[in-house]
Amino acid sequence: VDGDGSAVDVQVVLAGDFRRAADGVHVLVVDHGPGIPESERERVFDRFARPDSGRDRASGGAGLGLAIVREVVSSHDGEVQILETPGGGATIKMVLPIAVEL
């Protein structure tokens, strides 16, 4: 459950061949709250960025969460993106490359 009381699902998938870093681990965080407007999607990765909506501001938060996520994932040569979520909410997809030497 997130700050506004809506459900959050987390899925972790090992994609493809674990010996190739390009496949990696995919982590999906699906938030069933009000979602992130298209116009805000790049800005939410900035430090201290918070939605302009009064309702979202009232739920608290410093606006650091996704900025920290992007920095941590990038430090592991991964990527973060916001996916379309039919019916509202937001899905954050993180791809972390891994390679196992055999």
N, C-alpha and C. Protein backbone atom coordinates (compact mmCIF):
# COMPACT_ATOMS: atom_id res chain seq x y z
N VAL A 1 0.85 -1.17 0.00
CA VAL A 1 0.00 0.00 0.00
C VAL A 1 0.90 1.24 0.00
N ASP A 2 0.57 2.19 -0.87
CA ASP A 2 1.39 3.40 -0.94
C ASP A 2 0.80 4.51 -0.07
N GLY A 3 1.35 5.72 -0.19
CA GLY A 3 0.98 6.83 0.66
C GLY A 3 -0.48 7.25 0.59
N ASP A 4 -1.15 7.02 -0.54
CA ASP A 4 -2.56 7.41 -0.63
C ASP A 4 -3.50 6.24 -0.38
N GLY A 5 -2.96 5.11 0.09
CA GLY A 5 -3.78 3.96 0.45
C GLY A 5 -4.11 3.02 -0.69
N SER A 6 -3.58 3.27 -1.89
CA SER A 6 -3.86 2.37 -3.02
C SER A 6 -2.85 1.22 -3.03
N ALA A 7 -3.25 0.14 -3.67
CA ALA A 7 -2.41 -1.07 -3.72
C ALA A 7 -1.23 -0.89 -4.66
N VAL A 8 -0.14 -1.58 -4.34
CA VAL A 8 1.06 -1.60 -5.17
C VAL A 8 1.47 -3.05 -5.36
N ASP A 9 1.69 -3.47 -6.61
CA ASP A 9 2.16 -4.82 -6.91
C ASP A 9 3.59 -4.73 -7.41
N VAL A 10 4.41 -5.73 -7.05
CA VAL A 10 5.79 -5.79 -7.51
C VAL A 10 6.00 -7.14 -8.19
N GLN A 11 6.54 -7.10 -9.41
CA GLN A 11 6.84 -8.32 -10.16
C GLN A 11 8.32 -8.30 -10.54
N VAL A 12 8.99 -9.43 -10.35
CA VAL A 12 10.40 -9.55 -10.72
C VAL A 12 10.51 -10.72 -11.68
N VAL A 13 11.11 -10.47 -12.86
CA VAL A 13 11.21 -11.49 -13.90
C VAL A 13 12.65 -11.57 -14.39
N LEU A 14 13.19 -12.77 -14.45
CA LEU A 14 14.49 -12.99 -15.08
C LEU A 14 14.22 -13.17 -16.57
N ALA A 15 14.68 -12.22 -17.37
CA ALA A 15 14.36 -12.21 -18.79
C ALA A 15 15.46 -12.86 -19.62
N GLY A 16 15.07 -13.79 -20.46
CA GLY A 16 15.99 -14.37 -21.42
C GLY A 16 17.07 -15.24 -20.82
N ASP A 17 18.23 -15.19 -21.42
CA ASP A 17 19.38 -16.03 -21.07
C ASP A 17 20.21 -15.31 -20.01
N PHE A 18 20.35 -15.92 -18.84
CA PHE A 18 21.05 -15.26 -17.74
C PHE A 18 22.53 -15.04 -18.02
N ARG A 19 23.06 -15.58 -19.09
CA ARG A 19 24.48 -15.38 -19.43
C ARG A 19 24.69 -14.12 -20.25
N ARG A 20 23.60 -13.48 -20.66
CA ARG A 20 23.72 -12.26 -21.47
C ARG A 20 23.20 -11.08 -20.67
N ALA A 21 24.03 -10.09 -20.45
CA ALA A 21 23.65 -8.93 -19.64
C ALA A 21 22.46 -8.18 -20.23
N ALA A 22 22.29 -8.23 -21.54
CA ALA A 22 21.22 -7.47 -22.19
C ALA A 22 19.84 -7.95 -21.75
N ASP A 23 19.73 -9.19 -21.35
CA ASP A 23 18.42 -9.71 -20.95
C ASP A 23 18.08 -9.24 -19.54
N GLY A 24 18.86 -9.60 -18.57
CA GLY A 24 18.75 -9.06 -17.22
C GLY A 24 17.51 -9.40 -16.44
N VAL A 25 17.34 -8.62 -15.38
CA VAL A 25 16.20 -8.75 -14.48
C VAL A 25 15.27 -7.57 -14.73
N HIS A 26 14.00 -7.86 -14.90
CA HIS A 26 12.99 -6.82 -15.08
C HIS A 26 12.18 -6.73 -13.79
N VAL A 27 12.08 -5.54 -13.25
CA VAL A 27 11.28 -5.30 -12.05
C VAL A 27 10.16 -4.34 -12.43
N LEU A 28 8.93 -4.76 -12.20
CA LEU A 28 7.77 -3.91 -12.48
C LEU A 28 7.11 -3.55 -11.17
N VAL A 29 6.89 -2.27 -10.94
CA VAL A 29 6.15 -1.80 -9.77
C VAL A 29 4.88 -1.17 -10.32
N VAL A 30 3.75 -1.79 -10.00
CA VAL A 30 2.46 -1.33 -10.49
C VAL A 30 1.71 -0.68 -9.34
N ASP A 31 1.47 0.62 -9.47
CA ASP A 31 0.75 1.40 -8.46
C ASP A 31 -0.66 1.63 -8.98
N HIS A 32 -1.65 1.23 -8.21
CA HIS A 32 -3.04 1.33 -8.64
C HIS A 32 -3.71 2.63 -8.20
N GLY A 33 -2.90 3.64 -7.91
CA GLY A 33 -3.41 4.95 -7.50
C GLY A 33 -3.84 5.77 -8.70
N PRO A 34 -3.79 7.10 -8.58
CA PRO A 34 -4.30 7.98 -9.63
C PRO A 34 -3.44 8.03 -10.90
N GLY A 35 -2.22 7.55 -10.86
CA GLY A 35 -1.37 7.54 -12.05
C GLY A 35 -0.50 8.78 -12.17
N ILE A 36 0.27 8.82 -13.24
CA ILE A 36 1.18 9.93 -13.52
C ILE A 36 0.80 10.49 -14.89
N PRO A 37 0.34 11.74 -14.95
CA PRO A 37 -0.03 12.31 -16.24
C PRO A 37 1.15 12.29 -17.22
N GLU A 38 0.86 12.13 -18.47
CA GLU A 38 1.88 12.10 -19.53
C GLU A 38 2.81 13.30 -19.43
N SER A 39 2.25 14.47 -19.14
CA SER A 39 3.05 15.70 -19.07
C SER A 39 4.03 15.72 -17.90
N GLU A 40 3.85 14.85 -16.92
CA GLU A 40 4.71 14.82 -15.73
C GLU A 40 5.75 13.70 -15.78
N ARG A 41 5.69 12.83 -16.75
CA ARG A 41 6.46 11.58 -16.72
C ARG A 41 7.97 11.75 -16.71
N GLU A 42 8.52 12.71 -17.36
CA GLU A 42 9.98 12.91 -17.28
C GLU A 42 10.35 13.68 -16.03
N ARG A 43 9.51 14.60 -15.64
CA ARG A 43 9.78 15.44 -14.48
C ARG A 43 9.80 14.66 -13.17
N VAL A 44 9.04 13.57 -13.07
CA VAL A 44 8.98 12.83 -11.79
C VAL A 44 10.31 12.20 -11.42
N PHE A 45 11.25 12.13 -12.35
CA PHE A 45 12.57 11.59 -12.05
C PHE A 45 13.53 12.66 -11.52
N ASP A 46 13.09 13.93 -11.50
CA ASP A 46 13.90 15.02 -10.96
C ASP A 46 13.77 15.03 -9.43
N ARG A 47 14.85 15.41 -8.76
CA ARG A 47 14.80 15.51 -7.29
C ARG A 47 13.78 16.56 -6.87
N PHE A 48 13.04 16.23 -5.85
CA PHE A 48 12.03 17.08 -5.23
C PHE A 48 10.85 17.39 -6.14
N ALA A 49 10.71 16.65 -7.23
CA ALA A 49 9.57 16.84 -8.13
C ALA A 49 8.34 16.17 -7.50
N ARG A 50 7.25 16.90 -7.49
CA ARG A 50 5.99 16.37 -6.98
C ARG A 50 4.89 16.78 -7.93
N PRO A 51 3.86 15.95 -8.06
CA PRO A 51 2.77 16.31 -8.97
C PRO A 51 2.16 17.65 -8.60
N ASP A 52 1.63 18.35 -9.61
CA ASP A 52 1.01 19.65 -9.37
C ASP A 52 -0.36 19.53 -8.72
N SER A 53 -0.96 18.36 -8.80
CA SER A 53 -2.30 18.15 -8.25
C SER A 53 -2.31 18.34 -6.74
N GLY A 54 -3.27 19.10 -6.23
CA GLY A 54 -3.40 19.31 -4.79
C GLY A 54 -3.63 18.02 -4.04
N ARG A 55 -4.41 17.10 -4.59
CA ARG A 55 -4.68 15.82 -3.94
C ARG A 55 -3.39 15.04 -3.75
N ASP A 56 -2.54 15.01 -4.76
CA ASP A 56 -1.28 14.28 -4.67
C ASP A 56 -0.33 14.95 -3.69
N ARG A 57 -0.32 16.25 -3.64
CA ARG A 57 0.55 16.96 -2.69
C ARG A 57 0.12 16.66 -1.26
N ALA A 58 -1.18 16.51 -1.04
CA ALA A 58 -1.68 16.26 0.31
C ALA A 58 -1.26 14.89 0.84
N SER A 59 -0.91 13.96 -0.06
CA SER A 59 -0.54 12.61 0.39
C SER A 59 0.89 12.55 0.91
N GLY A 60 1.63 13.65 0.82
CA GLY A 60 2.98 13.70 1.40
C GLY A 60 4.04 13.24 0.42
N GLY A 61 5.24 13.04 0.95
CA GLY A 61 6.35 12.64 0.10
C GLY A 61 7.23 13.83 -0.21
N ALA A 62 8.51 13.57 -0.29
CA ALA A 62 9.48 14.64 -0.54
C ALA A 62 9.79 14.82 -2.02
N GLY A 63 9.32 13.90 -2.86
CA GLY A 63 9.63 13.99 -4.27
C GLY A 63 11.01 13.44 -4.61
N LEU A 64 11.49 12.51 -3.79
CA LEU A 64 12.82 11.94 -4.03
C LEU A 64 12.79 10.50 -4.51
N GLY A 65 11.69 9.81 -4.32
CA GLY A 65 11.62 8.37 -4.59
C GLY A 65 12.11 7.94 -5.96
N LEU A 66 11.51 8.47 -7.02
CA LEU A 66 11.90 8.04 -8.36
C LEU A 66 13.25 8.60 -8.78
N ALA A 67 13.66 9.73 -8.22
CA ALA A 67 15.01 10.25 -8.49
C ALA A 67 16.05 9.28 -7.94
N ILE A 68 15.81 8.78 -6.73
CA ILE A 68 16.74 7.81 -6.13
C ILE A 68 16.72 6.50 -6.91
N VAL A 69 15.53 6.05 -7.30
CA VAL A 69 15.43 4.82 -8.09
C VAL A 69 16.25 4.94 -9.36
N ARG A 70 16.09 6.05 -10.08
CA ARG A 70 16.82 6.23 -11.34
C ARG A 70 18.33 6.23 -11.11
N GLU A 71 18.80 6.90 -10.06
CA GLU A 71 20.24 6.94 -9.77
C GLU A 71 20.79 5.56 -9.44
N VAL A 72 20.07 4.80 -8.61
CA VAL A 72 20.54 3.46 -8.23
C VAL A 72 20.55 2.53 -9.44
N VAL A 73 19.47 2.54 -10.21
CA VAL A 73 19.39 1.66 -11.38
C VAL A 73 20.44 2.07 -12.41
N SER A 74 20.63 3.36 -12.64
CA SER A 74 21.65 3.83 -13.59
C SER A 74 23.06 3.44 -13.15
N SER A 75 23.30 3.45 -11.85
CA SER A 75 24.63 3.07 -11.35
C SER A 75 24.95 1.60 -11.62
N HIS A 76 23.92 0.82 -11.93
CA HIS A 76 24.10 -0.59 -12.29
C HIS A 76 23.93 -0.80 -13.79
N ASP A 77 24.05 0.28 -14.56
CA ASP A 77 23.90 0.25 -16.02
C ASP A 77 22.51 -0.21 -16.46
N GLY A 78 21.52 0.09 -15.64
CA GLY A 78 20.14 -0.28 -15.97
C GLY A 78 19.37 0.91 -16.48
N GLU A 79 18.08 0.70 -16.67
CA GLU A 79 17.21 1.79 -17.13
C GLU A 79 15.87 1.71 -16.43
N VAL A 80 15.21 2.87 -16.35
CA VAL A 80 13.90 2.99 -15.71
C VAL A 80 12.98 3.69 -16.70
N GLN A 81 11.75 3.21 -16.77
CA GLN A 81 10.77 3.88 -17.63
C GLN A 81 9.38 3.76 -17.01
N ILE A 82 8.52 4.67 -17.39
CA ILE A 82 7.12 4.63 -16.97
C ILE A 82 6.32 4.09 -18.14
N LEU A 83 5.55 3.04 -17.87
CA LEU A 83 4.74 2.41 -18.90
C LEU A 83 3.29 2.87 -18.79
N GLU A 84 2.57 2.78 -19.90
CA GLU A 84 1.13 3.05 -19.88
C GLU A 84 0.45 2.00 -19.00
N THR A 85 -0.48 2.43 -18.19
CA THR A 85 -1.25 1.50 -17.36
C THR A 85 -2.72 1.70 -17.70
N PRO A 86 -3.32 0.74 -18.42
CA PRO A 86 -4.73 0.88 -18.78
C PRO A 86 -5.60 1.01 -17.53
N GLY A 87 -6.53 1.95 -17.55
CA GLY A 87 -7.44 2.11 -16.43
C GLY A 87 -6.91 2.94 -15.28
N GLY A 88 -5.77 3.59 -15.45
CA GLY A 88 -5.22 4.43 -14.39
C GLY A 88 -4.06 3.77 -13.68
N GLY A 89 -3.51 4.47 -12.71
CA GLY A 89 -2.33 3.96 -12.01
C GLY A 89 -1.07 4.23 -12.79
N ALA A 90 0.01 3.66 -12.33
CA ALA A 90 1.30 3.84 -13.00
C ALA A 90 2.11 2.56 -12.87
N THR A 91 2.86 2.23 -13.92
CA THR A 91 3.77 1.09 -13.87
C THR A 91 5.17 1.61 -14.13
N ILE A 92 6.06 1.36 -13.18
CA ILE A 92 7.47 1.72 -13.32
C ILE A 92 8.22 0.45 -13.65
N LYS A 93 8.94 0.45 -14.77
CA LYS A 93 9.71 -0.72 -15.19
C LYS A 93 11.19 -0.41 -15.03
N MET A 94 11.88 -1.30 -14.32
CA MET A 94 13.33 -1.18 -14.15
C MET A 94 13.97 -2.40 -14.78
N VAL A 95 14.99 -2.21 -15.58
CA VAL A 95 15.73 -3.31 -16.19
C VAL A 95 17.16 -3.24 -15.67
N LEU A 96 17.58 -4.31 -15.01
CA LEU A 96 18.93 -4.40 -14.46
C LEU A 96 19.68 -5.49 -15.19
N PRO A 97 20.76 -5.13 -15.91
CA PRO A 97 21.51 -6.15 -16.63
C PRO A 97 22.27 -7.05 -15.66
N ILE A 98 22.29 -8.32 -15.98
CA ILE A 98 23.10 -9.26 -15.20
C ILE A 98 23.79 -10.20 -16.18
N ALA A 99 24.91 -10.69 -15.79
CA ALA A 99 25.61 -11.70 -16.59
C ALA A 99 26.32 -12.63 -15.61
N VAL A 100 26.15 -13.90 -15.81
CA VAL A 100 26.77 -14.89 -14.94
C VAL A 100 27.82 -15.62 -15.75
N GLU A 101 29.05 -15.61 -15.26
CA GLU A 101 30.10 -16.35 -15.96
C GLU A 101 30.07 -17.80 -15.50
N LEU A 102 30.05 -18.69 -16.46
CA LEU A 102 30.03 -20.13 -16.14
C LEU A 102 31.38 -20.75 -16.36
